[in-house]
């Protein structure tokens, strides 16, 4: 346990990744209401919308309206996701924080179904997108590899494939004089297990010892928190998570396309282990209950139902 980080940075994905998969329409006002409540919890980055084709992801059709309606809290970054140059140009016109990332898949089949591009086309796109970032003075911090643990179309993803994708992304950045701060691995469809986490994190650390590592973990098969724990034990201190466990991937090819690890559950685990997050757990629980009310059906978060132990401990001392 000696490698546990003292502080973990959590990036909230619920409003984007959560609402994009809901079958029923979520009003713009409700989306904004949750985003503004999340900003009061201590979170420093909230992913709010996706700049994607609304015909394919109808839940993000009001991305512009959401971006314009948010009452921003100082010190919080409000971001969005884009997958191509067209999405980036849409984002440029809106009052959100633009933080660039180079993104490629491990699984070609998944990428063809997701954005209609081969692996080589994906790399060509990232080189062109990096030019756009530089022309528009957008900071590029991370190189992200998704389907990094497995794919429902292609099966197991070899470790060598993950290392190759990271290497090529870093080479693209280096060729354009951009220094990447960290490597993000995304378990897009929930194939990871603690051994695979340690294997991949270990391989990246061995190859790039000074590179920060972040994880985007899905809880599709109930291994989300065990995977996060395995990463914490290796000193990983950057995670994506989703309020109340909102969300999932619309192109995952299975019905149980669960969302990211649940924010309040992960915060609870970190705090119980003595790891700081800067997040007010009680306020996160309030946001989780709000999210459940907004979507109108039960969400998978556990701590939102069981409550925090701190409150129980305070009762027992009186």
C-alpha atoms as a PDB file:
ATOM      1  CA  UNK A   1       0.000   0.000   0.000  1.00  0.00           C
ATOM      2  CA  UNK A   2       3.053   2.293   0.149  1.00  0.00           C
ATOM      3  CA  UNK A   3       2.410   3.667  -3.351  1.00  0.00           C
ATOM      4  CA  UNK A   4      -1.063   5.028  -2.556  1.00  0.00           C
ATOM      5  CA  UNK A   5      -1.393   8.632  -3.709  1.00  0.00           C
ATOM      6  CA  UNK A   6      -2.175  11.266  -1.092  1.00  0.00           C
ATOM      7  CA  UNK A   7      -4.562  13.097  -3.423  1.00  0.00           C
ATOM      8  CA  UNK A   8      -6.623  11.891  -6.374  1.00  0.00           C
ATOM      9  CA  UNK A   9      -7.968  14.115  -9.153  1.00  0.00           C
ATOM     10  CA  UNK A  10     -11.454  13.141 -10.298  1.00  0.00           C
ATOM     11  CA  UNK A  11     -12.989  14.275 -13.573  1.00  0.00           C
ATOM     12  CA  UNK A  12     -16.783  14.084 -13.589  1.00  0.00           C
ATOM     13  CA  UNK A  13     -18.302  12.431 -16.675  1.00  0.00           C
ATOM     14  CA  UNK A  14     -21.937  12.042 -15.648  1.00  0.00           C
ATOM     15  CA  UNK A  15     -23.603  14.917 -17.510  1.00  0.00           C
ATOM     16  CA  UNK A  16     -21.971  13.922 -20.801  1.00  0.00           C
ATOM     17  CA  UNK A  17     -21.497  10.171 -20.700  1.00  0.00           C
ATOM     18  CA  UNK A  18     -24.542   9.711 -18.534  1.00  0.00           C
ATOM     19  CA  UNK A  19     -27.182  11.611 -20.422  1.00  0.00           C
ATOM     20  CA  UNK A  20     -25.964  10.498 -23.858  1.00  0.00           C
ATOM     21  CA  UNK A  21     -27.269   6.961 -23.346  1.00  0.00           C
ATOM     22  CA  UNK A  22     -30.620   7.665 -21.661  1.00  0.00           C
ATOM     23  CA  UNK A  23     -33.508   6.492 -23.830  1.00  0.00           C
ATOM     24  CA  UNK A  24     -35.921   9.138 -22.610  1.00  0.00           C
ATOM     25  CA  UNK A  25     -35.355  12.827 -23.323  1.00  0.00           C
ATOM     26  CA  UNK A  26     -33.596  14.820 -20.607  1.00  0.00           C
ATOM     27  CA  UNK A  27     -34.467  18.500 -20.608  1.00  0.00           C
ATOM     28  CA  UNK A  28     -31.764  21.102 -21.101  1.00  0.00           C
ATOM     29  CA  UNK A  29     -32.768  22.696 -17.805  1.00  0.00           C
ATOM     30  CA  UNK A  30     -32.282  19.428 -15.912  1.00  0.00           C
ATOM     31  CA  UNK A  31     -28.866  18.885 -17.480  1.00  0.00           C
ATOM     32  CA  UNK A  32     -27.791  22.367 -16.464  1.00  0.00           C
ATOM     33  CA  UNK A  33     -29.261  21.924 -12.975  1.00  0.00           C
ATOM     34  CA  UNK A  34     -27.122  18.834 -12.361  1.00  0.00           C
ATOM     35  CA  UNK A  35     -23.974  20.423 -13.803  1.00  0.00           C
ATOM     36  CA  UNK A  36     -24.346  23.468 -11.561  1.00  0.00           C
ATOM     37  CA  UNK A  37     -24.938  21.278  -8.503  1.00  0.00           C
ATOM     38  CA  UNK A  38     -21.858  19.176  -9.303  1.00  0.00           C
ATOM     39  CA  UNK A  39     -19.785  22.354  -9.453  1.00  0.00           C
ATOM     40  CA  UNK A  40     -20.619  22.950  -5.768  1.00  0.00           C
ATOM     41  CA  UNK A  41     -19.120  19.637  -4.622  1.00  0.00           C
ATOM     42  CA  UNK A  42     -15.441  20.525  -5.024  1.00  0.00           C
ATOM     43  CA  UNK A  43     -15.039  18.978  -8.465  1.00  0.00           C
ATOM     44  CA  UNK A  44     -12.614  20.942 -10.636  1.00  0.00           C
ATOM     45  CA  UNK A  45     -13.567  19.496 -14.034  1.00  0.00           C
ATOM     46  CA  UNK A  46     -17.000  18.506 -15.312  1.00  0.00           C
ATOM     47  CA  UNK A  47     -17.546  17.037 -18.775  1.00  0.00           C
ATOM     48  CA  UNK A  48     -20.845  18.554 -19.813  1.00  0.00           C
ATOM     49  CA  UNK A  49     -21.660  17.668 -23.434  1.00  0.00           C
ATOM     50  CA  UNK A  50     -20.513  15.823 -26.553  1.00  0.00           C
ATOM     51  CA  UNK A  51     -20.119  17.631 -29.854  1.00  0.00           C
ATOM     52  CA  UNK A  52     -21.279  14.645 -31.890  1.00  0.00           C
ATOM     53  CA  UNK A  53     -23.796  13.848 -34.595  1.00  0.00           C
ATOM     54  CA  UNK A  54     -27.251  14.220 -32.958  1.00  0.00           C
ATOM     55  CA  UNK A  55     -28.674  11.655 -35.359  1.00  0.00           C
ATOM     56  CA  UNK A  56     -26.395   9.059 -33.766  1.00  0.00           C
ATOM     57  CA  UNK A  57     -26.465  10.377 -30.194  1.00  0.00           C
ATOM     58  CA  UNK A  58     -29.828  12.171 -29.776  1.00  0.00           C
ATOM     59  CA  UNK A  59     -29.191  12.837 -26.090  1.00  0.00           C
ATOM     60  CA  UNK A  60     -26.542  15.386 -27.056  1.00  0.00           C
ATOM     61  CA  UNK A  61     -28.663  17.276 -29.605  1.00  0.00           C
ATOM     62  CA  UNK A  62     -28.912  20.271 -27.250  1.00  0.00           C
ATOM     63  CA  UNK A  63     -25.152  20.568 -26.606  1.00  0.00           C
ATOM     64  CA  UNK A  64     -25.060  24.219 -27.629  1.00  0.00           C
ATOM     65  CA  UNK A  65     -28.040  25.121 -25.443  1.00  0.00           C
ATOM     66  CA  UNK A  66     -26.523  23.387 -22.421  1.00  0.00           C
ATOM     67  CA  UNK A  67     -23.134  25.051 -22.908  1.00  0.00           C
ATOM     68  CA  UNK A  68     -24.684  28.523 -23.105  1.00  0.00           C
ATOM     69  CA  UNK A  69     -27.003  28.059 -20.124  1.00  0.00           C
ATOM     70  CA  UNK A  70     -24.471  26.984 -17.478  1.00  0.00           C
ATOM     71  CA  UNK A  71     -23.804  29.551 -14.742  1.00  0.00           C
ATOM     72  CA  UNK A  72     -20.109  29.003 -14.275  1.00  0.00           C
ATOM     73  CA  UNK A  73     -18.382  28.721 -10.911  1.00  0.00           C
ATOM     74  CA  UNK A  74     -14.837  30.157 -10.791  1.00  0.00           C
ATOM     75  CA  UNK A  75     -12.153  27.518 -10.557  1.00  0.00           C
ATOM     76  CA  UNK A  76     -14.189  24.802 -12.302  1.00  0.00           C
ATOM     77  CA  UNK A  77     -13.440  23.674 -15.857  1.00  0.00           C
ATOM     78  CA  UNK A  78     -16.557  22.925 -17.908  1.00  0.00           C
ATOM     79  CA  UNK A  79     -15.574  20.748 -20.846  1.00  0.00           C
ATOM     80  CA  UNK A  80     -17.011  18.744 -23.713  1.00  0.00           C
ATOM     81  CA  UNK A  81     -15.990  15.864 -25.931  1.00  0.00           C
ATOM     82  CA  UNK A  82     -15.459  15.941 -29.685  1.00  0.00           C
ATOM     83  CA  UNK A  83     -14.324  13.079 -31.889  1.00  0.00           C
ATOM     84  CA  UNK A  84     -13.376  14.925 -35.067  1.00  0.00           C
ATOM     85  CA  UNK A  85     -12.596  18.349 -36.548  1.00  0.00           C
ATOM     86  CA  UNK A  86     -16.275  19.113 -37.154  1.00  0.00           C
ATOM     87  CA  UNK A  87     -17.051  18.563 -33.486  1.00  0.00           C
ATOM     88  CA  UNK A  88     -14.086  20.675 -32.440  1.00  0.00           C
ATOM     89  CA  UNK A  89     -15.237  23.570 -34.630  1.00  0.00           C
ATOM     90  CA  UNK A  90     -18.667  23.399 -32.981  1.00  0.00           C
ATOM     91  CA  UNK A  91     -17.018  23.496 -29.568  1.00  0.00           C
ATOM     92  CA  UNK A  92     -14.957  26.553 -30.534  1.00  0.00           C
ATOM     93  CA  UNK A  93     -18.141  28.589 -30.849  1.00  0.00           C
ATOM     94  CA  UNK A  94     -19.365  27.809 -27.328  1.00  0.00           C
ATOM     95  CA  UNK A  95     -18.419  29.172 -23.878  1.00  0.00           C
ATOM     96  CA  UNK A  96     -16.873  25.959 -22.538  1.00  0.00           C
ATOM     97  CA  UNK A  97     -13.259  25.246 -21.615  1.00  0.00           C
ATOM     98  CA  UNK A  98     -11.372  23.635 -24.482  1.00  0.00           C
ATOM     99  CA  UNK A  99      -8.828  21.052 -23.357  1.00  0.00           C
ATOM    100  CA  UNK A 100      -7.331  19.009 -26.167  1.00  0.00           C
ATOM    101  CA  UNK A 101      -6.484  15.317 -26.104  1.00  0.00           C
ATOM    102  CA  UNK A 102      -5.145  12.969 -28.724  1.00  0.00           C
ATOM    103  CA  UNK A 103      -7.465   9.943 -28.917  1.00  0.00           C
ATOM    104  CA  UNK A 104      -7.177   6.638 -30.774  1.00  0.00           C
ATOM    105  CA  UNK A 105      -8.727   3.190 -30.315  1.00  0.00           C
ATOM    106  CA  UNK A 106      -7.134  -0.182 -29.861  1.00  0.00           C
ATOM    107  CA  UNK A 107     -10.071  -1.903 -31.572  1.00  0.00           C
ATOM    108  CA  UNK A 108     -10.565  -1.012 -35.220  1.00  0.00           C
ATOM    109  CA  UNK A 109     -14.004  -2.622 -35.360  1.00  0.00           C
ATOM    110  CA  UNK A 110     -15.222  -0.547 -32.422  1.00  0.00           C
ATOM    111  CA  UNK A 111     -13.867   2.612 -34.051  1.00  0.00           C
ATOM    112  CA  UNK A 112     -15.574   1.838 -37.351  1.00  0.00           C
ATOM    113  CA  UNK A 113     -18.898   1.497 -35.533  1.00  0.00           C
ATOM    114  CA  UNK A 114     -18.241   4.533 -33.342  1.00  0.00           C
ATOM    115  CA  UNK A 115     -16.880   7.093 -35.840  1.00  0.00           C
ATOM    116  CA  UNK A 116     -16.519   5.186 -39.114  1.00  0.00           C
ATOM    117  CA  UNK A 117     -12.699   5.340 -39.233  1.00  0.00           C
ATOM    118  CA  UNK A 118      -9.949   2.740 -39.537  1.00  0.00           C
ATOM    119  CA  UNK A 119      -6.962   2.790 -37.179  1.00  0.00           C
ATOM    120  CA  UNK A 120      -4.752   4.483 -39.770  1.00  0.00           C
ATOM    121  CA  UNK A 121      -7.440   7.074 -40.482  1.00  0.00           C
ATOM    122  CA  UNK A 122      -7.712   7.685 -36.740  1.00  0.00           C
ATOM    123  CA  UNK A 123      -3.990   8.464 -36.512  1.00  0.00           C
ATOM    124  CA  UNK A 124      -4.181  10.720 -39.565  1.00  0.00           C
ATOM    125  CA  UNK A 125      -7.088  12.558 -37.921  1.00  0.00           C
ATOM    126  CA  UNK A 126      -5.126  13.089 -34.715  1.00  0.00           C
ATOM    127  CA  UNK A 127      -2.190  14.616 -36.580  1.00  0.00           C
ATOM    128  CA  UNK A 128      -4.563  16.995 -38.396  1.00  0.00           C
ATOM    129  CA  UNK A 129      -6.483  17.782 -35.201  1.00  0.00           C
ATOM    130  CA  UNK A 130      -3.255  18.649 -33.419  1.00  0.00           C
ATOM    131  CA  UNK A 131      -2.654  21.317 -36.064  1.00  0.00           C
ATOM    132  CA  UNK A 132      -6.133  22.695 -35.306  1.00  0.00           C
ATOM    133  CA  UNK A 133      -5.362  22.775 -31.589  1.00  0.00           C
ATOM    134  CA  UNK A 134      -2.150  24.678 -32.162  1.00  0.00           C
ATOM    135  CA  UNK A 135      -3.795  27.141 -34.560  1.00  0.00           C
ATOM    136  CA  UNK A 136      -6.502  27.854 -31.972  1.00  0.00           C
ATOM    137  CA  UNK A 137      -4.158  27.895 -28.955  1.00  0.00           C
ATOM    138  CA  UNK A 138      -5.844  24.903 -27.310  1.00  0.00           C
ATOM    139  CA  UNK A 139      -3.752  23.186 -24.650  1.00  0.00           C
ATOM    140  CA  UNK A 140      -3.144  19.469 -25.278  1.00  0.00           C
ATOM    141  CA  UNK A 141      -2.464  17.554 -22.082  1.00  0.00           C
ATOM    142  CA  UNK A 142      -3.288  13.886 -22.580  1.00  0.00           C
ATOM    143  CA  UNK A 143      -2.976  11.077 -25.081  1.00  0.00           C
ATOM    144  CA  UNK A 144      -5.911   8.690 -24.674  1.00  0.00           C
ATOM    145  CA  UNK A 145      -6.219   5.106 -25.856  1.00  0.00           C
ATOM    146  CA  UNK A 146      -9.696   3.588 -25.658  1.00  0.00           C
ATOM    147  CA  UNK A 147     -10.839  -0.041 -25.758  1.00  0.00           C
ATOM    148  CA  UNK A 148      -7.452  -0.537 -24.080  1.00  0.00           C
ATOM    149  CA  UNK A 149      -8.426  -3.720 -22.238  1.00  0.00           C
ATOM    150  CA  UNK A 150     -10.814  -5.528 -24.534  1.00  0.00           C
ATOM    151  CA  UNK A 151     -13.536  -5.171 -27.133  1.00  0.00           C
ATOM    152  CA  UNK A 152     -16.896  -6.888 -27.539  1.00  0.00           C
ATOM    153  CA  UNK A 153     -16.200  -7.163 -31.285  1.00  0.00           C
ATOM    154  CA  UNK A 154     -12.521  -8.127 -31.308  1.00  0.00           C
ATOM    155  CA  UNK A 155     -12.045  -9.744 -27.908  1.00  0.00           C
ATOM    156  CA  UNK A 156      -8.833  -9.422 -25.875  1.00  0.00           C
ATOM    157  CA  UNK A 157      -6.583  -6.470 -26.662  1.00  0.00           C
ATOM    158  CA  UNK A 158      -2.886  -7.325 -26.520  1.00  0.00           C
ATOM    159  CA  UNK A 159      -0.649  -5.279 -24.261  1.00  0.00           C
ATOM    160  CA  UNK A 160       1.655  -4.694 -27.221  1.00  0.00           C
ATOM    161  CA  UNK A 161      -1.244  -3.023 -29.058  1.00  0.00           C
ATOM    162  CA  UNK A 162      -1.798  -0.603 -26.169  1.00  0.00           C
ATOM    163  CA  UNK A 163       1.908   0.292 -26.048  1.00  0.00           C
ATOM    164  CA  UNK A 164       1.985   0.744 -29.830  1.00  0.00           C
ATOM    165  CA  UNK A 165      -0.993   3.139 -29.784  1.00  0.00           C
ATOM    166  CA  UNK A 166       0.589   5.211 -26.983  1.00  0.00           C
ATOM    167  CA  UNK A 167       3.936   5.295 -28.791  1.00  0.00           C
ATOM    168  CA  UNK A 168       2.414   6.505 -32.036  1.00  0.00           C
ATOM    169  CA  UNK A 169       0.371   9.206 -30.316  1.00  0.00           C
ATOM    170  CA  UNK A 170       3.427  10.484 -28.462  1.00  0.00           C
ATOM    171  CA  UNK A 171       5.388  10.486 -31.716  1.00  0.00           C
ATOM    172  CA  UNK A 172       2.682  12.561 -33.427  1.00  0.00           C
ATOM    173  CA  UNK A 173       2.818  15.078 -30.585  1.00  0.00           C
ATOM    174  CA  UNK A 174       6.622  15.164 -30.593  1.00  0.00           C
ATOM    175  CA  UNK A 175       6.718  15.743 -34.354  1.00  0.00           C
ATOM    176  CA  UNK A 176       4.625  18.881 -33.850  1.00  0.00           C
ATOM    177  CA  UNK A 177       6.560  20.110 -30.809  1.00  0.00           C
ATOM    178  CA  UNK A 178       3.817  19.263 -28.298  1.00  0.00           C
ATOM    179  CA  UNK A 179       4.705  17.766 -24.922  1.00  0.00           C
ATOM    180  CA  UNK A 180       2.058  15.361 -23.614  1.00  0.00           C
ATOM    181  CA  UNK A 181       1.642  15.354 -19.823  1.00  0.00           C
ATOM    182  CA  UNK A 182       0.055  11.956 -19.421  1.00  0.00           C
ATOM    183  CA  UNK A 183      -1.407   8.786 -20.911  1.00  0.00           C
ATOM    184  CA  UNK A 184      -5.049   7.860 -20.376  1.00  0.00           C
ATOM    185  CA  UNK A 185      -6.278   4.290 -20.721  1.00  0.00           C
ATOM    186  CA  UNK A 186     -10.014   3.777 -21.227  1.00  0.00           C
ATOM    187  CA  UNK A 187     -11.779   0.522 -20.417  1.00  0.00           C
ATOM    188  CA  UNK A 188     -14.550   1.540 -22.768  1.00  0.00           C
ATOM    189  CA  UNK A 189     -16.701  -1.590 -22.561  1.00  0.00           C
ATOM    190  CA  UNK A 190     -15.726  -3.053 -19.199  1.00  0.00           C
ATOM    191  CA  UNK A 191     -13.169  -5.773 -19.940  1.00  0.00           C
ATOM    192  CA  UNK A 192     -10.573  -4.755 -17.354  1.00  0.00           C
ATOM    193  CA  UNK A 193      -9.694  -6.665 -14.209  1.00  0.00           C
ATOM    194  CA  UNK A 194      -7.195  -5.769 -11.456  1.00  0.00           C
ATOM    195  CA  UNK A 195      -4.438  -7.928 -12.989  1.00  0.00           C
ATOM    196  CA  UNK A 196      -4.903  -6.258 -16.380  1.00  0.00           C
ATOM    197  CA  UNK A 197      -4.816  -2.819 -14.722  1.00  0.00           C
ATOM    198  CA  UNK A 198      -1.531  -3.603 -13.020  1.00  0.00           C
ATOM    199  CA  UNK A 199      -0.095  -5.132 -16.174  1.00  0.00           C
ATOM    200  CA  UNK A 200      -0.873  -2.144 -18.366  1.00  0.00           C
ATOM    201  CA  UNK A 201      -0.027   0.537 -15.826  1.00  0.00           C
ATOM    202  CA  UNK A 202       3.215  -1.286 -15.101  1.00  0.00           C
ATOM    203  CA  UNK A 203       4.120  -1.493 -18.785  1.00  0.00           C
ATOM    204  CA  UNK A 204       3.498   2.211 -19.345  1.00  0.00           C
ATOM    205  CA  UNK A 205       5.464   3.128 -16.229  1.00  0.00           C
ATOM    206  CA  UNK A 206       8.378   1.004 -17.387  1.00  0.00           C
ATOM    207  CA  UNK A 207       8.364   2.563 -20.859  1.00  0.00           C
ATOM    208  CA  UNK A 208       7.622   6.166 -19.801  1.00  0.00           C
ATOM    209  CA  UNK A 209       8.538   6.495 -16.104  1.00  0.00           C
ATOM    210  CA  UNK A 210       7.914  10.254 -15.964  1.00  0.00           C
ATOM    211  CA  UNK A 211       4.507  10.140 -17.665  1.00  0.00           C
ATOM    212  CA  UNK A 212       1.373  10.613 -15.564  1.00  0.00           C
ATOM    213  CA  UNK A 213      -1.266   7.901 -16.025  1.00  0.00           C
ATOM    214  CA  UNK A 214      -5.041   8.321 -15.884  1.00  0.00           C
ATOM    215  CA  UNK A 215      -7.860   5.790 -16.104  1.00  0.00           C
ATOM    216  CA  UNK A 216     -11.378   5.892 -17.542  1.00  0.00           C
ATOM    217  CA  UNK A 217     -13.016   2.802 -16.062  1.00  0.00           C
ATOM    218  CA  UNK A 218     -16.436   1.375 -16.831  1.00  0.00           C
ATOM    219  CA  UNK A 219     -18.294  -0.782 -14.325  1.00  0.00           C
ATOM    220  CA  UNK A 220     -19.963  -3.053 -16.876  1.00  0.00           C
ATOM    221  CA  UNK A 221     -19.213  -6.288 -15.009  1.00  0.00           C
ATOM    222  CA  UNK A 222     -18.917  -4.960 -11.484  1.00  0.00           C
ATOM    223  CA  UNK A 223     -15.118  -4.683 -11.496  1.00  0.00           C
ATOM    224  CA  UNK A 224     -14.918  -0.896 -11.693  1.00  0.00           C
ATOM    225  CA  UNK A 225     -13.955  -0.180  -8.078  1.00  0.00           C
ATOM    226  CA  UNK A 226     -11.644  -3.208  -7.756  1.00  0.00           C
ATOM    227  CA  UNK A 227      -9.879  -1.939 -10.877  1.00  0.00           C
ATOM    228  CA  UNK A 228      -9.628   1.543  -9.395  1.00  0.00           C
ATOM    229  CA  UNK A 229      -8.209   0.077  -6.185  1.00  0.00           C
ATOM    230  CA  UNK A 230      -5.565  -1.847  -8.133  1.00  0.00           C
ATOM    231  CA  UNK A 231      -4.608   1.385  -9.874  1.00  0.00           C
ATOM    232  CA  UNK A 232      -4.499   3.354  -6.620  1.00  0.00           C
ATOM    233  CA  UNK A 233      -2.138   0.766  -5.189  1.00  0.00           C
ATOM    234  CA  UNK A 234       0.186   1.520  -8.104  1.00  0.00           C
ATOM    235  CA  UNK A 235       0.029   5.250  -7.418  1.00  0.00           C
ATOM    236  CA  UNK A 236      -2.404   6.256 -10.194  1.00  0.00           C
ATOM    237  CA  UNK A 237      -3.945   9.580  -9.173  1.00  0.00           C
ATOM    238  CA  UNK A 238      -6.174  10.610 -12.104  1.00  0.00           C
ATOM    239  CA  UNK A 239      -9.593   9.036 -12.719  1.00  0.00           C
ATOM    240  CA  UNK A 240     -12.804   9.691 -14.605  1.00  0.00           C
ATOM    241  CA  UNK A 241     -16.047   8.867 -12.807  1.00  0.00           C
ATOM    242  CA  UNK A 242     -19.769   9.410 -13.160  1.00  0.00           C
ATOM    243  CA  UNK A 243     -22.235  10.737 -10.598  1.00  0.00           C
ATOM    244  CA  UNK A 244     -24.543   7.926  -9.379  1.00  0.00           C
ATOM    245  CA  UNK A 245     -22.993   5.623 -11.983  1.00  0.00           C
ATOM    246  CA  UNK A 246     -24.822   7.421 -14.795  1.00  0.00           C
ATOM    247  CA  UNK A 247     -24.128   6.444 -18.345  1.00  0.00           C
ATOM    248  CA  UNK A 248     -22.601   3.917 -20.673  1.00  0.00           C
ATOM    249  CA  UNK A 249     -21.381   3.536 -24.226  1.00  0.00           C
ATOM    250  CA  UNK A 250     -24.027   3.494 -26.991  1.00  0.00           C
ATOM    251  CA  UNK A 251     -21.720   1.492 -29.291  1.00  0.00           C
ATOM    252  CA  UNK A 252     -20.654  -1.217 -26.833  1.00  0.00           C
ATOM    253  CA  UNK A 253     -22.641  -4.097 -28.415  1.00  0.00           C
ATOM    254  CA  UNK A 254     -24.229  -5.307 -25.196  1.00  0.00           C
ATOM    255  CA  UNK A 255     -27.275  -4.320 -23.159  1.00  0.00           C
ATOM    256  CA  UNK A 256     -25.412  -3.884 -19.889  1.00  0.00           C
ATOM    257  CA  UNK A 257     -23.343  -0.955 -21.100  1.00  0.00           C
ATOM    258  CA  UNK A 258     -22.703   0.460 -17.664  1.00  0.00           C
ATOM    259  CA  UNK A 259     -21.204   3.868 -17.087  1.00  0.00           C
ATOM    260  CA  UNK A 260     -17.965   4.874 -15.452  1.00  0.00           C
ATOM    261  CA  UNK A 261     -17.156   4.057 -11.859  1.00  0.00           C
ATOM    262  CA  UNK A 262     -19.600   5.878  -9.604  1.00  0.00           C
ATOM    263  CA  UNK A 263     -18.185   9.191  -8.366  1.00  0.00           C
ATOM    264  CA  UNK A 264     -19.562   9.164  -4.838  1.00  0.00           C
ATOM    265  CA  UNK A 265     -18.695   5.475  -4.373  1.00  0.00           C
ATOM    266  CA  UNK A 266     -15.123   6.138  -5.493  1.00  0.00           C
ATOM    267  CA  UNK A 267     -14.854   9.266  -3.342  1.00  0.00           C
ATOM    268  CA  UNK A 268     -16.114   7.274  -0.349  1.00  0.00           C
ATOM    269  CA  UNK A 269     -13.526   4.542  -0.937  1.00  0.00           C
ATOM    270  CA  UNK A 270     -10.702   7.067  -1.304  1.00  0.00           C
ATOM    271  CA  UNK A 271     -11.665   8.952   1.851  1.00  0.00           C
ATOM    272  CA  UNK A 272     -11.958   5.734   3.855  1.00  0.00           C
ATOM    273  CA  UNK A 273      -8.420   4.862   2.699  1.00  0.00           C
ATOM    274  CA  UNK A 274      -7.077   8.266   3.734  1.00  0.00           C
ATOM    275  CA  UNK A 275      -6.794   9.594   0.170  1.00  0.00           C
ATOM    276  CA  UNK A 276      -7.993  13.159  -0.341  1.00  0.00           C
ATOM    277  CA  UNK A 277     -10.137  14.167  -3.315  1.00  0.00           C
ATOM    278  CA  UNK A 278     -11.194  17.726  -2.505  1.00  0.00           C
ATOM    279  CA  UNK A 279     -14.818  16.621  -2.884  1.00  0.00           C
ATOM    280  CA  UNK A 280     -17.626  17.028  -0.361  1.00  0.00           C
ATOM    281  CA  UNK A 281     -19.131  13.529  -0.223  1.00  0.00           C
ATOM    282  CA  UNK A 282     -22.483  14.622   1.215  1.00  0.00           C
ATOM    283  CA  UNK A 283     -22.946  17.107  -1.618  1.00  0.00           C
ATOM    284  CA  UNK A 284     -22.008  14.411  -4.137  1.00  0.00           C
ATOM    285  CA  UNK A 285     -24.673  12.164  -2.634  1.00  0.00           C
ATOM    286  CA  UNK A 286     -27.206  14.974  -3.095  1.00  0.00           C
ATOM    287  CA  UNK A 287     -26.169  15.227  -6.754  1.00  0.00           C
ATOM    288  CA  UNK A 288     -26.552  11.471  -7.188  1.00  0.00           C
ATOM    289  CA  UNK A 289     -30.086  11.577  -5.809  1.00  0.00           C
ATOM    290  CA  UNK A 290     -30.819  14.506  -8.130  1.00  0.00           C
ATOM    291  CA  UNK A 291     -29.491  12.538 -11.115  1.00  0.00           C
ATOM    292  CA  UNK A 292     -31.730   9.590 -10.249  1.00  0.00           C
ATOM    293  CA  UNK A 293     -34.732  11.904  -9.996  1.00  0.00           C
ATOM    294  CA  UNK A 294     -33.884  13.477 -13.370  1.00  0.00           C
ATOM    295  CA  UNK A 295     -33.594  10.205 -15.297  1.00  0.00           C
ATOM    296  CA  UNK A 296     -36.625   8.715 -13.563  1.00  0.00           C
ATOM    297  CA  UNK A 297     -35.224   5.258 -12.843  1.00  0.00           C
ATOM    298  CA  UNK A 298     -32.837   3.666 -10.322  1.00  0.00           C
ATOM    299  CA  UNK A 299     -29.123   4.300 -10.810  1.00  0.00           C
ATOM    300  CA  UNK A 300     -26.409   1.881  -9.669  1.00  0.00           C
ATOM    301  CA  UNK A 301     -24.603   4.038  -7.095  1.00  0.00           C
ATOM    302  CA  UNK A 302     -24.314   2.429  -3.656  1.00  0.00           C
ATOM    303  CA  UNK A 303     -23.258   5.252  -1.315  1.00  0.00           C
ATOM    304  CA  UNK A 304     -26.198   7.400  -2.453  1.00  0.00           C
ATOM    305  CA  UNK A 305     -28.393   4.739  -0.823  1.00  0.00           C
ATOM    306  CA  UNK A 306     -26.231   3.712   2.132  1.00  0.00           C
ATOM    307  CA  UNK A 307     -24.948   7.163   3.069  1.00  0.00           C
ATOM    308  CA  UNK A 308     -21.485   8.117   4.266  1.00  0.00           C
ATOM    309  CA  UNK A 309     -19.903   6.541   7.325  1.00  0.00           C
ATOM    310  CA  UNK A 310     -18.777   9.951   8.534  1.00  0.00           C
ATOM    311  CA  UNK A 311     -22.357  10.836   9.330  1.00  0.00           C
ATOM    312  CA  UNK A 312     -22.768   7.505  11.151  1.00  0.00           C
ATOM    313  CA  UNK A 313     -19.556   8.037  13.075  1.00  0.00           C
ATOM    314  CA  UNK A 314     -20.667  11.495  14.169  1.00  0.00           C
ATOM    315  CA  UNK A 315     -23.950  10.045  15.464  1.00  0.00           C
ATOM    316  CA  UNK A 316     -22.151   7.351  17.438  1.00  0.00           C
ATOM    317  CA  UNK A 317     -20.025   9.901  19.301  1.00  0.00           C
ATOM    318  CA  UNK A 318     -22.985  11.780  20.733  1.00  0.00           C
END
